[in-house]
Amino acid sequence: MEFYRGLRRYGVKTEFVMDPREAHNIGEKQHLLDVLARTLSWFDFELKRE
């Protein structure tokens, strides 16, 4: 959350997602799939932007 706040403070476009029952590591399969889908979506968006 601190990293998110720091990015927002400097105007970096960012999104904060907090999964229930997860701490620092993603342990549940559905949450992991969500993280991977969001990561791929981000790369897809950023690479097409150029």
PDB file of N, CA and C in Angstrom:
ATOM      1  N   MET A   1       0.818  -1.171   0.000  1.00  0.00           N
ATOM      2  CA  MET A   1       0.000   0.000   0.000  1.00  0.00           C
ATOM      3  C   MET A   1       0.879   1.259   0.000  1.00  0.00           C
ATOM      4  N   GLU A   2       2.016   1.202   0.668  1.00  0.00           N
ATOM      5  CA  GLU A   2       2.913   2.355   0.690  1.00  0.00           C
ATOM      6  C   GLU A   2       3.472   2.636  -0.704  1.00  0.00           C
ATOM      7  N   PHE A   3       3.809   1.584  -1.428  1.00  0.00           N
ATOM      8  CA  PHE A   3       4.326   1.749  -2.789  1.00  0.00           C
ATOM      9  C   PHE A   3       3.258   2.393  -3.674  1.00  0.00           C
ATOM     10  N   TYR A   4       2.020   1.939  -3.548  1.00  0.00           N
ATOM     11  CA  TYR A   4       0.892   2.494  -4.298  1.00  0.00           C
ATOM     12  C   TYR A   4       0.732   3.982  -3.987  1.00  0.00           C
ATOM     13  N   ARG A   5       0.748   4.328  -2.720  1.00  0.00           N
ATOM     14  CA  ARG A   5       0.600   5.734  -2.325  1.00  0.00           C
ATOM     15  C   ARG A   5       1.734   6.597  -2.867  1.00  0.00           C
ATOM     16  N   GLY A   6       2.941   6.047  -2.845  1.00  0.00           N
ATOM     17  CA  GLY A   6       4.079   6.790  -3.383  1.00  0.00           C
ATOM     18  C   GLY A   6       3.943   7.049  -4.872  1.00  0.00           C
ATOM     19  N   LEU A   7       3.510   6.043  -5.605  1.00  0.00           N
ATOM     20  CA  LEU A   7       3.308   6.221  -7.044  1.00  0.00           C
ATOM     21  C   LEU A   7       2.232   7.258  -7.329  1.00  0.00           C
ATOM     22  N   ARG A   8       1.129   7.173  -6.601  1.00  0.00           N
ATOM     23  CA  ARG A   8       0.031   8.132  -6.788  1.00  0.00           C
ATOM     24  C   ARG A   8       0.482   9.561  -6.453  1.00  0.00           C
ATOM     25  N   ARG A   9       1.299   9.678  -5.457  1.00  0.00           N
ATOM     26  CA  ARG A   9       1.776  11.004  -5.043  1.00  0.00           C
ATOM     27  C   ARG A   9       2.530  11.702  -6.159  1.00  0.00           C
ATOM     28  N   TYR A  10       3.247  10.919  -6.958  1.00  0.00           N
ATOM     29  CA  TYR A  10       4.022  11.487  -8.056  1.00  0.00           C
ATOM     30  C   TYR A  10       3.305  11.410  -9.398  1.00  0.00           C
ATOM     31  N   GLY A  11       2.007  11.136  -9.357  1.00  0.00           N
ATOM     32  CA  GLY A  11       1.191  11.181 -10.566  1.00  0.00           C
ATOM     33  C   GLY A  11       1.306   9.992 -11.489  1.00  0.00           C
ATOM     34  N   VAL A  12       1.834   8.893 -10.995  1.00  0.00           N
ATOM     35  CA  VAL A  12       1.955   7.692 -11.812  1.00  0.00           C
ATOM     36  C   VAL A  12       0.606   6.982 -11.839  1.00  0.00           C
ATOM     37  N   LYS A  13       0.130   6.659 -13.041  1.00  0.00           N
ATOM     38  CA  LYS A  13      -1.129   5.932 -13.160  1.00  0.00           C
ATOM     39  C   LYS A  13      -0.934   4.544 -12.552  1.00  0.00           C
ATOM     40  N   THR A  14      -1.749   4.223 -11.579  1.00  0.00           N
ATOM     41  CA  THR A  14      -1.586   2.951 -10.887  1.00  0.00           C
ATOM     42  C   THR A  14      -2.933   2.442 -10.400  1.00  0.00           C
ATOM     43  N   GLU A  15      -2.956   1.198 -10.020  1.00  0.00           N
ATOM     44  CA  GLU A  15      -4.182   0.564  -9.533  1.00  0.00           C
ATOM     45  C   GLU A  15      -3.802  -0.308  -8.337  1.00  0.00           C
ATOM     46  N   PHE A  16      -4.603  -0.260  -7.299  1.00  0.00           N
ATOM     47  CA  PHE A  16      -4.345  -1.050  -6.095  1.00  0.00           C
ATOM     48  C   PHE A  16      -5.391  -2.155  -6.002  1.00  0.00           C
ATOM     49  N   VAL A  17      -4.935  -3.385  -5.963  1.00  0.00           N
ATOM     50  CA  VAL A  17      -5.827  -4.541  -5.844  1.00  0.00           C
ATOM     51  C   VAL A  17      -5.403  -5.334  -4.615  1.00  0.00           C
ATOM     52  N   MET A  18      -6.348  -5.580  -3.731  1.00  0.00           N
ATOM     53  CA  MET A  18      -6.058  -6.337  -2.514  1.00  0.00           C
ATOM     54  C   MET A  18      -6.992  -7.553  -2.476  1.00  0.00           C
ATOM     55  N   ASP A  19      -6.412  -8.728  -2.515  1.00  0.00           N
ATOM     56  CA  ASP A  19      -7.205  -9.950  -2.493  1.00  0.00           C
ATOM     57  C   ASP A  19      -7.447 -10.399  -1.057  1.00  0.00           C
ATOM     58  N   PRO A  20      -8.648 -10.864  -0.773  1.00  0.00           N
ATOM     59  CA  PRO A  20      -8.932 -11.358   0.584  1.00  0.00           C
ATOM     60  C   PRO A  20      -8.112 -12.609   0.902  1.00  0.00           C
ATOM     61  N   ARG A  21      -7.764 -12.759   2.136  1.00  0.00           N
ATOM     62  CA  ARG A  21      -7.031 -13.933   2.644  1.00  0.00           C
ATOM     63  C   ARG A  21      -5.608 -14.041   2.101  1.00  0.00           C
ATOM     64  N   GLU A  22      -5.063 -12.988   1.489  1.00  0.00           N
ATOM     65  CA  GLU A  22      -3.698 -13.022   0.965  1.00  0.00           C
ATOM     66  C   GLU A  22      -2.844 -12.010   1.710  1.00  0.00           C
ATOM     67  N   ALA A  23      -1.605 -12.351   1.931  1.00  0.00           N
ATOM     68  CA  ALA A  23      -0.669 -11.435   2.588  1.00  0.00           C
ATOM     69  C   ALA A  23       0.338 -10.950   1.547  1.00  0.00           C
ATOM     70  N   HIS A  24       1.599 -11.289   1.702  1.00  0.00           N
ATOM     71  CA  HIS A  24       2.619 -10.837   0.760  1.00  0.00           C
ATOM     72  C   HIS A  24       2.711 -11.737  -0.469  1.00  0.00           C
ATOM     73  N   ASN A  25       2.383 -12.984  -0.319  1.00  0.00           N
ATOM     74  CA  ASN A  25       2.424 -13.920  -1.441  1.00  0.00           C
ATOM     75  C   ASN A  25       1.009 -14.287  -1.858  1.00  0.00           C
ATOM     76  N   ILE A  26       0.847 -14.577  -3.139  1.00  0.00           N
ATOM     77  CA  ILE A  26      -0.458 -14.999  -3.643  1.00  0.00           C
ATOM     78  C   ILE A  26      -0.498 -16.526  -3.553  1.00  0.00           C
ATOM     79  N   GLY A  27      -1.432 -17.052  -2.776  1.00  0.00           N
ATOM     80  CA  GLY A  27      -1.492 -18.491  -2.559  1.00  0.00           C
ATOM     81  C   GLY A  27      -2.669 -19.175  -3.215  1.00  0.00           C
ATOM     82  N   GLU A  28      -3.766 -18.467  -3.378  1.00  0.00           N
ATOM     83  CA  GLU A  28      -4.954 -19.085  -3.956  1.00  0.00           C
ATOM     84  C   GLU A  28      -4.903 -19.014  -5.476  1.00  0.00           C
ATOM     85  N   LYS A  29      -5.277 -20.114  -6.100  1.00  0.00           N
ATOM     86  CA  LYS A  29      -5.180 -20.240  -7.555  1.00  0.00           C
ATOM     87  C   LYS A  29      -5.945 -19.129  -8.272  1.00  0.00           C
ATOM     88  N   GLN A  30      -7.155 -18.835  -7.841  1.00  0.00           N
ATOM     89  CA  GLN A  30      -7.973 -17.825  -8.517  1.00  0.00           C
ATOM     90  C   GLN A  30      -7.335 -16.435  -8.424  1.00  0.00           C
ATOM     91  N   HIS A  31      -6.724 -16.138  -7.294  1.00  0.00           N
ATOM     92  CA  HIS A  31      -6.056 -14.853  -7.133  1.00  0.00           C
ATOM     93  C   HIS A  31      -4.809 -14.775  -8.015  1.00  0.00           C
ATOM     94  N   LEU A  32      -4.084 -15.870  -8.098  1.00  0.00           N
ATOM     95  CA  LEU A  32      -2.895 -15.911  -8.948  1.00  0.00           C
ATOM     96  C   LEU A  32      -3.273 -15.707 -10.416  1.00  0.00           C
ATOM     97  N   LEU A  33      -4.337 -16.356 -10.851  1.00  0.00           N
ATOM     98  CA  LEU A  33      -4.795 -16.188 -12.228  1.00  0.00           C
ATOM     99  C   LEU A  33      -5.193 -14.739 -12.497  1.00  0.00           C
ATOM    100  N   ASP A  34      -5.795 -14.095 -11.510  1.00  0.00           N
ATOM    101  CA  ASP A  34      -6.172 -12.691 -11.656  1.00  0.00           C
ATOM    102  C   ASP A  34      -4.932 -11.805 -11.785  1.00  0.00           C
ATOM    103  N   VAL A  35      -3.930 -12.054 -10.970  1.00  0.00           N
ATOM    104  CA  VAL A  35      -2.683 -11.277 -11.038  1.00  0.00           C
ATOM    105  C   VAL A  35      -2.030 -11.457 -12.408  1.00  0.00           C
ATOM    106  N   LEU A  36      -1.970 -12.678 -12.884  1.00  0.00           N
ATOM    107  CA  LEU A  36      -1.351 -12.940 -14.185  1.00  0.00           C
ATOM    108  C   LEU A  36      -2.131 -12.277 -15.316  1.00  0.00           C
ATOM    109  N   ALA A  37      -3.459 -12.324 -15.257  1.00  0.00           N
ATOM    110  CA  ALA A  37      -4.287 -11.691 -16.286  1.00  0.00           C
ATOM    111  C   ALA A  37      -4.097 -10.178 -16.280  1.00  0.00           C
ATOM    112  N   ARG A  38      -4.023  -9.587 -15.098  1.00  0.00           N
ATOM    113  CA  ARG A  38      -3.802  -8.140 -15.007  1.00  0.00           C
ATOM    114  C   ARG A  38      -2.424  -7.756 -15.541  1.00  0.00           C
ATOM    115  N   THR A  39      -1.424  -8.579 -15.251  1.00  0.00           N
ATOM    116  CA  THR A  39      -0.066  -8.312 -15.733  1.00  0.00           C
ATOM    117  C   THR A  39      -0.002  -8.388 -17.251  1.00  0.00           C
ATOM    118  N   LEU A  40      -0.599  -9.421 -17.825  1.00  0.00           N
ATOM    119  CA  LEU A  40      -0.613  -9.557 -19.286  1.00  0.00           C
ATOM    120  C   LEU A  40      -1.376  -8.411 -19.938  1.00  0.00           C
ATOM    121  N   SER A  41      -2.461  -8.002 -19.330  1.00  0.00           N
ATOM    122  CA  SER A  41      -3.251  -6.885 -19.848  1.00  0.00           C
ATOM    123  C   SER A  41      -2.437  -5.595 -19.838  1.00  0.00           C
ATOM    124  N   TRP A  42      -1.678  -5.385 -18.763  1.00  0.00           N
ATOM    125  CA  TRP A  42      -0.841  -4.190 -18.664  1.00  0.00           C
ATOM    126  C   TRP A  42       0.219  -4.175 -19.764  1.00  0.00           C
ATOM    127  N   PHE A  43       0.904  -5.317 -19.966  1.00  0.00           N
ATOM    128  CA  PHE A  43       1.915  -5.388 -21.011  1.00  0.00           C
ATOM    129  C   PHE A  43       1.291  -5.168 -22.382  1.00  0.00           C
ATOM    130  N   ASP A  44       0.141  -5.774 -22.620  1.00  0.00           N
ATOM    131  CA  ASP A  44      -0.553  -5.617 -23.893  1.00  0.00           C
ATOM    132  C   ASP A  44      -0.865  -4.144 -24.151  1.00  0.00           C
ATOM    133  N   PHE A  45      -1.392  -3.458 -23.161  1.00  0.00           N
ATOM    134  CA  PHE A  45      -1.730  -2.045 -23.298  1.00  0.00           C
ATOM    135  C   PHE A  45      -0.491  -1.190 -23.539  1.00  0.00           C
ATOM    136  N   GLU A  46       0.536  -1.390 -22.739  1.00  0.00           N
ATOM    137  CA  GLU A  46       1.734  -0.551 -22.825  1.00  0.00           C
ATOM    138  C   GLU A  46       2.515  -0.787 -24.115  1.00  0.00           C
ATOM    139  N   LEU A  47       2.569  -2.033 -24.593  1.00  0.00           N
ATOM    140  CA  LEU A  47       3.313  -2.303 -25.825  1.00  0.00           C
ATOM    141  C   LEU A  47       2.578  -1.793 -27.051  1.00  0.00           C
ATOM    142  N   LYS A  48       1.262  -1.770 -27.034  1.00  0.00           N
ATOM    143  CA  LYS A  48       0.492  -1.257 -28.157  1.00  0.00           C
ATOM    144  C   LYS A  48       0.489   0.264 -28.199  1.00  0.00           C
ATOM    145  N   ARG A  49       0.783   0.875 -27.071  1.00  0.00           N
ATOM    146  CA  ARG A  49       0.777   2.334 -26.976  1.00  0.00           C
ATOM    147  C   ARG A  49       1.893   2.969 -27.783  1.00  0.00           C
ATOM    148  N   GLU A  50       2.985   2.293 -27.931  1.00  0.00           N
ATOM    149  CA  GLU A  50       4.163   2.878 -28.603  1.00  0.00           C
ATOM    150  C   GLU A  50       4.034   2.858 -30.081  1.00  0.00           C
TER     151      GLU A  50
END
